[in-house]
Amino acid sequence: MLNVKRLLCGLAAAVSLAATAPAAAALNVLACEPEWGALAKELGADRVNIYNATSAMQDVHHIQARPSLIAAARRADLVVCAGAELEAGWLPLLTRESGNAKIQPGGLAYFEAAKFVTLIDVPARLDRSDGDVHAQGNPHLQTDPRNIAVVAVALAGRLAELDPAGAAIYRERAEAFATRWKAAIVRWEARAAPLRGVRVVEHHRAFSYLFRWLGIEVVGYLEPKPGVEPSTGHMAQLLETQRARPAKAVVRTSYNDPRASVWFAERAKRPAVMLPFSVGGSEAARDLTSWFDDIVERLLKAAL
């Protein structure tokens, strides 16, 4: 009798624990870049489990499809990436080696943000001698928050298709995010208004969308060609051109080696500024909103 009572008590405790335990996430999301992982979390909350394949401290062009990434791809119910060939050096291998039929290109569980926005810097010709040029255009679309707003709508729809039971949640969270994000864009534009017309030198064409949005003019690049490491000779020539149209600051991403921008900034007598390239690119860039907060404040501090 005592053993039966103990068994019944144990079963009651197990049932109670199961009732109070949080529900497992409906979807495992593999995000190629942390901004898309952050966006998926905004839209899905507890219904999504996020695995970021890269960080803001890494050059996404050059990533190894390591075993841990392949394992994450094998478990994924959805892959969310920038697209436009940004991940061409590693994502095809990752999806292929995962053996996961759901996340293959062209399927419902394969999502590319670039498919939903208008890309800029589309090359007039394709020639490897021109450096690391993307045929579809500049893939760094996340640096314009207006693009994120567009992608959010498409991604919420995709999450709902893959997880119909959570469709109402995705819709409600997408609507709430859109309201907050629209207000944030108005606030950023007002705060950044003094930056309109400011000239900068950039390390790599990483912030083209950001600068177009804010009206910042890029008067030169430390890389002689996209993806080609800065050379002393090229930077010396660039210094000569600065005399006619001097830049206010020298900008690099959170993953760029700082030596080139510091070298140039010291000789041009201009500040070198690091801009976080994604969520997690600086201590302050904890989520999508604080990431853009930090970008705007860093630019204002450096350029004014």
C-alpha atoms as a PDB file:
ATOM      1  CA  MET A   1       0.000   0.000   0.000  1.00  0.00           C
ATOM      2  CA  LEU A   2       2.841   2.366   0.898  1.00  0.00           C
ATOM      3  CA  ASN A   3       4.526   1.741  -2.470  1.00  0.00           C
ATOM      4  CA  VAL A   4       1.246   2.447  -4.319  1.00  0.00           C
ATOM      5  CA  LYS A   5       0.820   5.739  -2.461  1.00  0.00           C
ATOM      6  CA  ARG A   6       4.372   6.726  -3.310  1.00  0.00           C
ATOM      7  CA  LEU A   7       3.785   5.845  -6.972  1.00  0.00           C
ATOM      8  CA  LEU A   8       0.575   7.897  -7.087  1.00  0.00           C
ATOM      9  CA  CYS A   9       2.324  10.867  -5.453  1.00  0.00           C
ATOM     10  CA  GLY A  10       5.142  10.601  -7.970  1.00  0.00           C
ATOM     11  CA  LEU A  11       2.716  10.525 -10.883  1.00  0.00           C
ATOM     12  CA  ALA A  12       0.838  13.537  -9.519  1.00  0.00           C
ATOM     13  CA  ALA A  13       4.074  15.487  -9.188  1.00  0.00           C
ATOM     14  CA  ALA A  14       5.107  14.572 -12.736  1.00  0.00           C
ATOM     15  CA  VAL A  15       1.751  15.698 -14.132  1.00  0.00           C
ATOM     16  CA  SER A  16       1.973  18.965 -12.215  1.00  0.00           C
ATOM     17  CA  LEU A  17       5.518  19.572 -13.474  1.00  0.00           C
ATOM     18  CA  ALA A  18       4.491  18.867 -17.072  1.00  0.00           C
ATOM     19  CA  ALA A  19       1.592  21.297 -16.762  1.00  0.00           C
ATOM     20  CA  THR A  20       3.795  24.123 -15.497  1.00  0.00           C
ATOM     21  CA  ALA A  21       6.816  23.500 -17.768  1.00  0.00           C
ATOM     22  CA  PRO A  22       7.175  25.836 -20.759  1.00  0.00           C
ATOM     23  CA  ALA A  23       6.058  24.407 -24.094  1.00  0.00           C
ATOM     24  CA  ALA A  24       8.784  23.360 -26.490  1.00  0.00           C
ATOM     25  CA  ALA A  25       9.438  25.718 -29.397  1.00  0.00           C
ATOM     26  CA  ALA A  26       7.463  24.854 -32.510  1.00  0.00           C
ATOM     27  CA  LEU A  27      10.256  25.765 -34.937  1.00  0.00           C
ATOM     28  CA  ASN A  28      14.034  25.500 -34.889  1.00  0.00           C
ATOM     29  CA  VAL A  29      15.345  28.480 -36.853  1.00  0.00           C
ATOM     30  CA  LEU A  30      18.879  28.590 -38.233  1.00  0.00           C
ATOM     31  CA  ALA A  31      19.748  32.239 -38.892  1.00  0.00           C
ATOM     32  CA  CYS A  32      22.731  32.882 -41.134  1.00  0.00           C
ATOM     33  CA  GLU A  33      23.249  36.321 -39.534  1.00  0.00           C
ATOM     34  CA  PRO A  34      22.307  37.574 -36.054  1.00  0.00           C
ATOM     35  CA  GLU A  35      20.007  40.334 -37.315  1.00  0.00           C
ATOM     36  CA  TRP A  36      17.720  37.718 -38.854  1.00  0.00           C
ATOM     37  CA  GLY A  37      17.875  35.602 -35.718  1.00  0.00           C
ATOM     38  CA  ALA A  38      16.864  38.661 -33.689  1.00  0.00           C
ATOM     39  CA  LEU A  39      14.024  39.428 -36.089  1.00  0.00           C
ATOM     40  CA  ALA A  40      12.724  35.844 -36.007  1.00  0.00           C
ATOM     41  CA  LYS A  41      12.729  36.003 -32.202  1.00  0.00           C
ATOM     42  CA  GLU A  42      10.803  39.283 -32.269  1.00  0.00           C
ATOM     43  CA  LEU A  43       8.155  37.638 -34.430  1.00  0.00           C
ATOM     44  CA  GLY A  44       8.051  34.198 -32.857  1.00  0.00           C
ATOM     45  CA  ALA A  45       8.959  34.644 -29.192  1.00  0.00           C
ATOM     46  CA  ASP A  46       8.779  31.263 -27.440  1.00  0.00           C
ATOM     47  CA  ARG A  47       7.491  29.474 -30.536  1.00  0.00           C
ATOM     48  CA  VAL A  48      10.949  29.671 -32.147  1.00  0.00           C
ATOM     49  CA  ASN A  49      14.326  28.401 -31.055  1.00  0.00           C
ATOM     50  CA  ILE A  50      17.118  30.449 -32.675  1.00  0.00           C
ATOM     51  CA  TYR A  51      20.592  29.288 -33.658  1.00  0.00           C
ATOM     52  CA  ASN A  52      22.800  32.000 -35.163  1.00  0.00           C
ATOM     53  CA  ALA A  53      25.318  30.611 -37.620  1.00  0.00           C
ATOM     54  CA  THR A  54      27.550  33.703 -37.416  1.00  0.00           C
ATOM     55  CA  SER A  55      28.200  36.716 -35.225  1.00  0.00           C
ATOM     56  CA  ALA A  56      28.654  40.427 -35.906  1.00  0.00           C
ATOM     57  CA  MET A  57      32.378  39.905 -35.299  1.00  0.00           C
ATOM     58  CA  GLN A  58      32.710  37.634 -38.335  1.00  0.00           C
ATOM     59  CA  ASP A  59      32.965  38.357 -42.039  1.00  0.00           C
ATOM     60  CA  VAL A  60      29.973  36.414 -43.337  1.00  0.00           C
ATOM     61  CA  HIS A  61      31.601  36.056 -46.747  1.00  0.00           C
ATOM     62  CA  HIS A  62      34.172  33.701 -45.237  1.00  0.00           C
ATOM     63  CA  ILE A  63      32.665  31.126 -42.870  1.00  0.00           C
ATOM     64  CA  GLN A  64      33.564  27.458 -42.424  1.00  0.00           C
ATOM     65  CA  ALA A  65      30.721  24.907 -42.543  1.00  0.00           C
ATOM     66  CA  ARG A  66      31.950  23.352 -39.306  1.00  0.00           C
ATOM     67  CA  PRO A  67      30.322  20.236 -37.783  1.00  0.00           C
ATOM     68  CA  SER A  68      28.345  22.231 -35.208  1.00  0.00           C
ATOM     69  CA  LEU A  69      26.764  24.268 -38.003  1.00  0.00           C
ATOM     70  CA  ILE A  70      25.921  21.146 -39.977  1.00  0.00           C
ATOM     71  CA  ALA A  71      24.294  19.673 -36.873  1.00  0.00           C
ATOM     72  CA  ALA A  72      22.224  22.827 -36.387  1.00  0.00           C
ATOM     73  CA  ALA A  73      21.161  22.696 -40.044  1.00  0.00           C
ATOM     74  CA  ARG A  74      20.140  19.067 -39.627  1.00  0.00           C
ATOM     75  CA  ARG A  75      17.742  20.071 -36.821  1.00  0.00           C
ATOM     76  CA  ALA A  76      16.425  23.227 -38.530  1.00  0.00           C
ATOM     77  CA  ASP A  77      12.819  23.718 -39.555  1.00  0.00           C
ATOM     78  CA  LEU A  78      13.671  27.039 -41.233  1.00  0.00           C
ATOM     79  CA  VAL A  79      16.813  28.712 -42.549  1.00  0.00           C
ATOM     80  CA  VAL A  80      16.775  32.530 -42.647  1.00  0.00           C
ATOM     81  CA  CYS A  81      19.598  34.248 -44.542  1.00  0.00           C
ATOM     82  CA  ALA A  82      20.415  37.519 -46.256  1.00  0.00           C
ATOM     83  CA  GLY A  83      20.841  35.876 -49.647  1.00  0.00           C
ATOM     84  CA  ALA A  84      22.087  37.698 -52.751  1.00  0.00           C
ATOM     85  CA  GLU A  85      25.114  35.355 -52.708  1.00  0.00           C
ATOM     86  CA  LEU A  86      26.387  36.653 -49.356  1.00  0.00           C
ATOM     87  CA  GLU A  87      26.599  33.103 -47.986  1.00  0.00           C
ATOM     88  CA  ALA A  88      27.573  31.476 -51.298  1.00  0.00           C
ATOM     89  CA  GLY A  89      30.916  30.276 -49.935  1.00  0.00           C
ATOM     90  CA  TRP A  90      29.435  28.072 -47.197  1.00  0.00           C
ATOM     91  CA  LEU A  91      25.637  27.829 -47.129  1.00  0.00           C
ATOM     92  CA  PRO A  92      25.282  25.413 -50.093  1.00  0.00           C
ATOM     93  CA  LEU A  93      27.713  23.014 -48.417  1.00  0.00           C
ATOM     94  CA  LEU A  94      25.862  23.415 -45.134  1.00  0.00           C
ATOM     95  CA  THR A  95      22.436  22.616 -46.536  1.00  0.00           C
ATOM     96  CA  ARG A  96      23.777  19.751 -48.628  1.00  0.00           C
ATOM     97  CA  GLU A  97      25.745  18.082 -45.824  1.00  0.00           C
ATOM     98  CA  SER A  98      22.880  18.486 -43.351  1.00  0.00           C
ATOM     99  CA  GLY A  99      20.783  15.879 -45.181  1.00  0.00           C
ATOM    100  CA  ASN A 100      17.745  17.973 -44.216  1.00  0.00           C
ATOM    101  CA  ALA A 101      15.389  17.965 -47.202  1.00  0.00           C
ATOM    102  CA  LYS A 102      13.210  20.735 -45.714  1.00  0.00           C
ATOM    103  CA  ILE A 103      15.820  23.492 -45.860  1.00  0.00           C
ATOM    104  CA  GLN A 104      17.069  23.049 -49.409  1.00  0.00           C
ATOM    105  CA  PRO A 105      16.993  26.132 -51.699  1.00  0.00           C
ATOM    106  CA  GLY A 106      13.621  26.756 -53.264  1.00  0.00           C
ATOM    107  CA  GLY A 107      11.681  25.114 -50.448  1.00  0.00           C
ATOM    108  CA  LEU A 108       9.283  26.708 -47.974  1.00  0.00           C
ATOM    109  CA  ALA A 109      11.841  26.399 -45.174  1.00  0.00           C
ATOM    110  CA  TYR A 110      14.533  28.315 -47.084  1.00  0.00           C
ATOM    111  CA  PHE A 111      14.113  32.081 -46.654  1.00  0.00           C
ATOM    112  CA  GLU A 112      16.288  34.801 -48.229  1.00  0.00           C
ATOM    113  CA  ALA A 113      15.677  38.381 -47.094  1.00  0.00           C
ATOM    114  CA  ALA A 114      17.084  39.796 -50.338  1.00  0.00           C
ATOM    115  CA  LYS A 115      14.126  38.382 -52.271  1.00  0.00           C
ATOM    116  CA  PHE A 116      11.794  40.924 -50.661  1.00  0.00           C
ATOM    117  CA  VAL A 117      13.661  44.229 -51.059  1.00  0.00           C
ATOM    118  CA  THR A 118      15.216  46.240 -53.868  1.00  0.00           C
ATOM    119  CA  LEU A 119      18.971  45.732 -53.881  1.00  0.00           C
ATOM    120  CA  ILE A 120      21.425  48.500 -54.736  1.00  0.00           C
ATOM    121  CA  ASP A 121      24.931  48.462 -56.237  1.00  0.00           C
ATOM    122  CA  VAL A 122      23.930  45.934 -58.888  1.00  0.00           C
ATOM    123  CA  PRO A 123      27.062  45.568 -61.087  1.00  0.00           C
ATOM    124  CA  ALA A 124      26.962  46.574 -64.730  1.00  0.00           C
ATOM    125  CA  ARG A 125      29.371  43.737 -65.505  1.00  0.00           C
ATOM    126  CA  LEU A 126      30.642  40.589 -63.827  1.00  0.00           C
ATOM    127  CA  ASP A 127      34.413  40.224 -63.803  1.00  0.00           C
ATOM    128  CA  ARG A 128      36.509  38.667 -61.037  1.00  0.00           C
ATOM    129  CA  SER A 129      39.126  41.351 -61.641  1.00  0.00           C
ATOM    130  CA  ASP A 130      36.666  43.817 -60.079  1.00  0.00           C
ATOM    131  CA  GLY A 131      36.939  42.101 -56.705  1.00  0.00           C
ATOM    132  CA  ASP A 132      34.248  40.490 -54.566  1.00  0.00           C
ATOM    133  CA  VAL A 133      31.252  41.700 -56.583  1.00  0.00           C
ATOM    134  CA  HIS A 134      27.788  40.219 -55.994  1.00  0.00           C
ATOM    135  CA  ALA A 135      25.832  39.679 -59.200  1.00  0.00           C
ATOM    136  CA  GLN A 136      22.441  40.419 -57.628  1.00  0.00           C
ATOM    137  CA  GLY A 137      23.598  43.551 -55.825  1.00  0.00           C
ATOM    138  CA  ASN A 138      24.849  44.593 -52.404  1.00  0.00           C
ATOM    139  CA  PRO A 139      23.684  41.937 -49.899  1.00  0.00           C
ATOM    140  CA  HIS A 140      24.117  44.055 -46.745  1.00  0.00           C
ATOM    141  CA  LEU A 141      20.503  45.192 -46.814  1.00  0.00           C
ATOM    142  CA  GLN A 142      20.038  44.918 -43.045  1.00  0.00           C
ATOM    143  CA  THR A 143      21.690  48.290 -42.412  1.00  0.00           C
ATOM    144  CA  ASP A 144      18.583  50.145 -43.596  1.00  0.00           C
ATOM    145  CA  PRO A 145      15.816  49.621 -41.003  1.00  0.00           C
ATOM    146  CA  ARG A 146      13.176  50.176 -43.683  1.00  0.00           C
ATOM    147  CA  ASN A 147      14.360  46.942 -45.294  1.00  0.00           C
ATOM    148  CA  ILE A 148      13.983  45.128 -41.990  1.00  0.00           C
ATOM    149  CA  ALA A 149      10.366  46.326 -41.808  1.00  0.00           C
ATOM    150  CA  VAL A 150       9.647  44.795 -45.225  1.00  0.00           C
ATOM    151  CA  VAL A 151      11.429  41.536 -44.433  1.00  0.00           C
ATOM    152  CA  ALA A 152       9.548  41.260 -41.125  1.00  0.00           C
ATOM    153  CA  VAL A 153       6.212  41.045 -42.942  1.00  0.00           C
ATOM    154  CA  ALA A 154       7.472  38.313 -45.267  1.00  0.00           C
ATOM    155  CA  LEU A 155       9.163  36.367 -42.479  1.00  0.00           C
ATOM    156  CA  ALA A 156       6.075  36.434 -40.258  1.00  0.00           C
ATOM    157  CA  GLY A 157       4.100  35.006 -43.160  1.00  0.00           C
ATOM    158  CA  ARG A 158       6.640  32.249 -43.664  1.00  0.00           C
ATOM    159  CA  LEU A 159       6.646  31.339 -39.967  1.00  0.00           C
ATOM    160  CA  ALA A 160       2.857  31.099 -40.061  1.00  0.00           C
ATOM    161  CA  GLU A 161       2.966  28.802 -43.095  1.00  0.00           C
ATOM    162  CA  LEU A 162       5.403  26.472 -41.378  1.00  0.00           C
ATOM    163  CA  ASP A 163       3.602  26.604 -38.033  1.00  0.00           C
ATOM    164  CA  PRO A 164      -0.133  27.146 -38.703  1.00  0.00           C
ATOM    165  CA  ALA A 165      -0.984  26.591 -35.042  1.00  0.00           C
ATOM    166  CA  GLY A 166       0.956  29.731 -34.174  1.00  0.00           C
ATOM    167  CA  ALA A 167      -0.272  31.868 -37.074  1.00  0.00           C
ATOM    168  CA  ALA A 168      -2.260  34.230 -34.844  1.00  0.00           C
ATOM    169  CA  ILE A 169       0.761  34.768 -32.600  1.00  0.00           C
ATOM    170  CA  TYR A 170       3.041  35.556 -35.519  1.00  0.00           C
ATOM    171  CA  ARG A 171       0.483  37.975 -36.950  1.00  0.00           C
ATOM    172  CA  GLU A 172      -0.040  39.785 -33.646  1.00  0.00           C
ATOM    173  CA  ARG A 173       3.674  40.056 -32.948  1.00  0.00           C
ATOM    174  CA  ALA A 174       4.373  41.238 -36.502  1.00  0.00           C
ATOM    175  CA  GLU A 175       1.795  43.995 -36.143  1.00  0.00           C
ATOM    176  CA  ALA A 176       3.223  45.062 -32.781  1.00  0.00           C
ATOM    177  CA  PHE A 177       6.750  45.019 -34.160  1.00  0.00           C
ATOM    178  CA  ALA A 178       5.716  47.104 -37.179  1.00  0.00           C
ATOM    179  CA  THR A 179       4.220  49.774 -34.912  1.00  0.00           C
ATOM    180  CA  ARG A 180       7.300  49.955 -32.680  1.00  0.00           C
ATOM    181  CA  TRP A 181       9.688  49.832 -35.628  1.00  0.00           C
ATOM    182  CA  LYS A 182       7.926  52.614 -37.543  1.00  0.00           C
ATOM    183  CA  ALA A 183       8.159  54.873 -34.489  1.00  0.00           C
ATOM    184  CA  ALA A 184      11.827  53.975 -34.040  1.00  0.00           C
ATOM    185  CA  ILE A 185      12.616  54.864 -37.676  1.00  0.00           C
ATOM    186  CA  VAL A 186      11.012  58.294 -37.214  1.00  0.00           C
ATOM    187  CA  ARG A 187      13.089  58.796 -34.056  1.00  0.00           C
ATOM    188  CA  TRP A 188      16.352  57.702 -35.739  1.00  0.00           C
ATOM    189  CA  GLU A 189      15.757  59.936 -38.749  1.00  0.00           C
ATOM    190  CA  ALA A 190      15.157  62.954 -36.538  1.00  0.00           C
ATOM    191  CA  ARG A 191      18.207  62.217 -34.387  1.00  0.00           C
ATOM    192  CA  ALA A 192      20.443  61.620 -37.440  1.00  0.00           C
ATOM    193  CA  ALA A 193      19.263  64.672 -39.405  1.00  0.00           C
ATOM    194  CA  PRO A 194      22.574  66.546 -38.814  1.00  0.00           C
ATOM    195  CA  LEU A 195      24.402  63.706 -40.611  1.00  0.00           C
ATOM    196  CA  ARG A 196      22.767  64.476 -43.962  1.00  0.00           C
ATOM    197  CA  GLY A 197      25.479  65.530 -46.414  1.00  0.00           C
ATOM    198  CA  VAL A 198      28.327  64.405 -44.145  1.00  0.00           C
ATOM    199  CA  ARG A 199      31.216  62.772 -46.034  1.00  0.00           C
ATOM    200  CA  VAL A 200      32.962  59.613 -44.858  1.00  0.00           C
ATOM    201  CA  VAL A 201      35.586  57.139 -46.030  1.00  0.00           C
ATOM    202  CA  GLU A 202      34.510  53.526 -45.628  1.00  0.00           C
ATOM    203  CA  HIS A 203      36.610  50.381 -45.283  1.00  0.00           C
ATOM    204  CA  HIS A 204      34.262  48.067 -47.256  1.00  0.00           C
ATOM    205  CA  ARG A 205      30.908  48.656 -48.967  1.00  0.00           C
ATOM    206  CA  ALA A 206      29.162  47.348 -45.870  1.00  0.00           C
ATOM    207  CA  PHE A 207      26.941  50.298 -44.960  1.00  0.00           C
ATOM    208  CA  SER A 208      25.736  51.422 -48.385  1.00  0.00           C
ATOM    209  CA  TYR A 209      22.077  51.027 -47.410  1.00  0.00           C
ATOM    210  CA  LEU A 210      22.606  52.833 -44.105  1.00  0.00           C
ATOM    211  CA  PHE A 211      24.367  55.780 -45.738  1.00  0.00           C
ATOM    212  CA  ARG A 212      21.771  56.068 -48.480  1.00  0.00           C
ATOM    213  CA  TRP A 213      19.023  56.139 -45.835  1.00  0.00           C
ATOM    214  CA  LEU A 214      20.750  58.812 -43.739  1.00  0.00           C
ATOM    215  CA  GLY A 215      22.042  60.878 -46.667  1.00  0.00           C
ATOM    216  CA  ILE A 216      25.725  60.299 -45.872  1.00  0.00           C
ATOM    217  CA  GLU A 217      28.156  60.548 -48.788  1.00  0.00           C
ATOM    218  CA  VAL A 218      30.985  58.032 -49.192  1.00  0.00           C
ATOM    219  CA  VAL A 219      33.973  59.699 -50.861  1.00  0.00           C
ATOM    220  CA  GLY A 220      36.304  56.705 -50.898  1.00  0.00           C
ATOM    221  CA  TYR A 221      36.950  53.125 -49.789  1.00  0.00           C
ATOM    222  CA  LEU A 222      40.026  51.754 -48.063  1.00  0.00           C
ATOM    223  CA  GLU A 223      39.683  48.580 -50.116  1.00  0.00           C
ATOM    224  CA  PRO A 224      40.940  49.226 -53.661  1.00  0.00           C
ATOM    225  CA  LYS A 225      38.285  46.734 -54.828  1.00  0.00           C
ATOM    226  CA  PRO A 226      35.514  45.023 -52.842  1.00  0.00           C
ATOM    227  CA  GLY A 227      36.979  42.261 -50.711  1.00  0.00           C
ATOM    228  CA  VAL A 228      40.592  43.190 -51.553  1.00  0.00           C
ATOM    229  CA  GLU A 229      42.657  44.110 -48.512  1.00  0.00           C
ATOM    230  CA  PRO A 230      43.643  47.792 -48.223  1.00  0.00           C
ATOM    231  CA  SER A 231      47.149  48.577 -49.456  1.00  0.00           C
ATOM    232  CA  THR A 232      49.391  51.380 -48.264  1.00  0.00           C
ATOM    233  CA  GLY A 233      49.744  52.657 -51.819  1.00  0.00           C
ATOM    234  CA  HIS A 234      45.999  52.834 -52.389  1.00  0.00           C
ATOM    235  CA  MET A 235      45.398  54.573 -49.067  1.00  0.00           C
ATOM    236  CA  ALA A 236      48.148  57.081 -49.800  1.00  0.00           C
ATOM    237  CA  GLN A 237      46.395  57.964 -53.062  1.00  0.00           C
ATOM    238  CA  LEU A 238      43.103  58.215 -51.197  1.00  0.00           C
ATOM    239  CA  LEU A 239      44.688  60.667 -48.767  1.00  0.00           C
ATOM    240  CA  GLU A 240      45.573  62.902 -51.685  1.00  0.00           C
ATOM    241  CA  THR A 241      41.969  63.013 -52.835  1.00  0.00           C
ATOM    242  CA  GLN A 242      40.820  64.001 -49.348  1.00  0.00           C
ATOM    243  CA  ARG A 243      42.352  67.416 -49.686  1.00  0.00           C
ATOM    244  CA  ALA A 244      39.690  68.463 -52.179  1.00  0.00           C
ATOM    245  CA  ARG A 245      36.745  66.763 -50.438  1.00  0.00           C
ATOM    246  CA  PRO A 246      37.758  65.861 -46.897  1.00  0.00           C
ATOM    247  CA  ALA A 247      35.793  63.223 -45.033  1.00  0.00           C
ATOM    248  CA  LYS A 248      34.538  63.713 -41.488  1.00  0.00           C
ATOM    249  CA  ALA A 249      35.294  60.157 -40.358  1.00  0.00           C
ATOM    250  CA  VAL A 250      36.707  56.786 -41.394  1.00  0.00           C
ATOM    251  CA  VAL A 251      34.195  53.956 -40.923  1.00  0.00           C
ATOM    252  CA  ARG A 252      34.736  50.229 -40.509  1.00  0.00           C
ATOM    253  CA  THR A 253      32.580  47.306 -39.405  1.00  0.00           C
ATOM    254  CA  SER A 254      32.856  45.409 -36.145  1.00  0.00           C
ATOM    255  CA  TYR A 255      34.633  42.558 -37.959  1.00  0.00           C
ATOM    256  CA  ASN A 256      37.161  44.609 -39.977  1.00  0.00           C
ATOM    257  CA  ASP A 257      40.772  44.662 -38.852  1.00  0.00           C
ATOM    258  CA  PRO A 258      41.071  48.178 -37.367  1.00  0.00           C
ATOM    259  CA  ARG A 259      44.667  48.801 -38.465  1.00  0.00           C
ATOM    260  CA  ALA A 260      43.880  50.174 -41.922  1.00  0.00           C
ATOM    261  CA  SER A 261      41.229  52.626 -40.735  1.00  0.00           C
ATOM    262  CA  VAL A 262      43.387  53.774 -37.817  1.00  0.00           C
ATOM    263  CA  TRP A 263      46.364  54.292 -40.154  1.00  0.00           C
ATOM    264  CA  PHE A 264      44.261  56.359 -42.525  1.00  0.00           C
ATOM    265  CA  ALA A 265      42.469  58.290 -39.789  1.00  0.00           C
ATOM    266  CA  GLU A 266      45.704  59.323 -38.097  1.00  0.00           C
ATOM    267  CA  ARG A 267      47.119  60.725 -41.317  1.00  0.00           C
ATOM    268  CA  ALA A 268      43.870  62.349 -42.405  1.00  0.00           C
ATOM    269  CA  LYS A 269      43.418  63.732 -38.885  1.00  0.00           C
ATOM    270  CA  ARG A 270      39.911  62.358 -38.754  1.00  0.00           C
ATOM    271  CA  PRO A 271      38.304  59.993 -36.222  1.00  0.00           C
ATOM    272  CA  ALA A 272      38.106  56.283 -36.950  1.00  0.00           C
ATOM    273  CA  VAL A 273      34.720  54.870 -36.006  1.00  0.00           C
ATOM    274  CA  MET A 274      33.616  51.270 -35.698  1.00  0.00           C
ATOM    275  CA  LEU A 275      29.950  50.644 -36.484  1.00  0.00           C
ATOM    276  CA  PRO A 276      28.406  47.386 -35.240  1.00  0.00           C
ATOM    277  CA  PHE A 277      27.499  45.387 -38.316  1.00  0.00           C
ATOM    278  CA  SER A 278      24.682  43.508 -36.620  1.00  0.00           C
ATOM    279  CA  VAL A 279      23.147  42.727 -33.268  1.00  0.00           C
ATOM    280  CA  GLY A 280      26.002  41.888 -30.912  1.00  0.00           C
ATOM    281  CA  GLY A 281      28.529  44.018 -32.787  1.00  0.00           C
ATOM    282  CA  SER A 282      29.050  46.220 -29.729  1.00  0.00           C
ATOM    283  CA  GLU A 283      28.221  46.048 -26.049  1.00  0.00           C
ATOM    284  CA  ALA A 284      25.278  48.400 -26.584  1.00  0.00           C
ATOM    285  CA  ALA A 285      23.818  46.573 -29.615  1.00  0.00           C
ATOM    286  CA  ARG A 286      21.828  44.001 -27.657  1.00  0.00           C
ATOM    287  CA  ASP A 287      18.812  43.764 -29.970  1.00  0.00           C
ATOM    288  CA  LEU A 288      17.557  45.282 -33.226  1.00  0.00           C
ATOM    289  CA  THR A 289      16.487  48.593 -31.694  1.00  0.00           C
ATOM    290  CA  SER A 290      19.567  49.186 -29.547  1.00  0.00           C
ATOM    291  CA  TRP A 291      21.737  48.217 -32.531  1.00  0.00           C
ATOM    292  CA  PHE A 292      20.454  51.140 -34.619  1.00  0.00           C
ATOM    293  CA  ASP A 293      20.498  53.388 -31.549  1.00  0.00           C
ATOM    294  CA  ASP A 294      24.205  52.656 -31.207  1.00  0.00           C
ATOM    295  CA  ILE A 295      24.947  53.142 -34.919  1.00  0.00           C
ATOM    296  CA  VAL A 296      23.345  56.592 -34.981  1.00  0.00           C
ATOM    297  CA  GLU A 297      25.054  57.727 -31.775  1.00  0.00           C
ATOM    298  CA  ARG A 298      28.477  56.530 -32.946  1.00  0.00           C
ATOM    299  CA  LEU A 299      28.111  58.400 -36.235  1.00  0.00           C
ATOM    300  CA  LEU A 300      26.997  61.590 -34.521  1.00  0.00           C
ATOM    301  CA  LYS A 301      29.904  61.448 -32.098  1.00  0.00           C
ATOM    302  CA  ALA A 302      32.465  60.850 -34.856  1.00  0.00           C
ATOM    303  CA  ALA A 303      31.186  63.156 -37.584  1.00  0.00           C
ATOM    304  CA  LEU A 304      29.956  66.263 -35.764  1.00  0.00           C
END
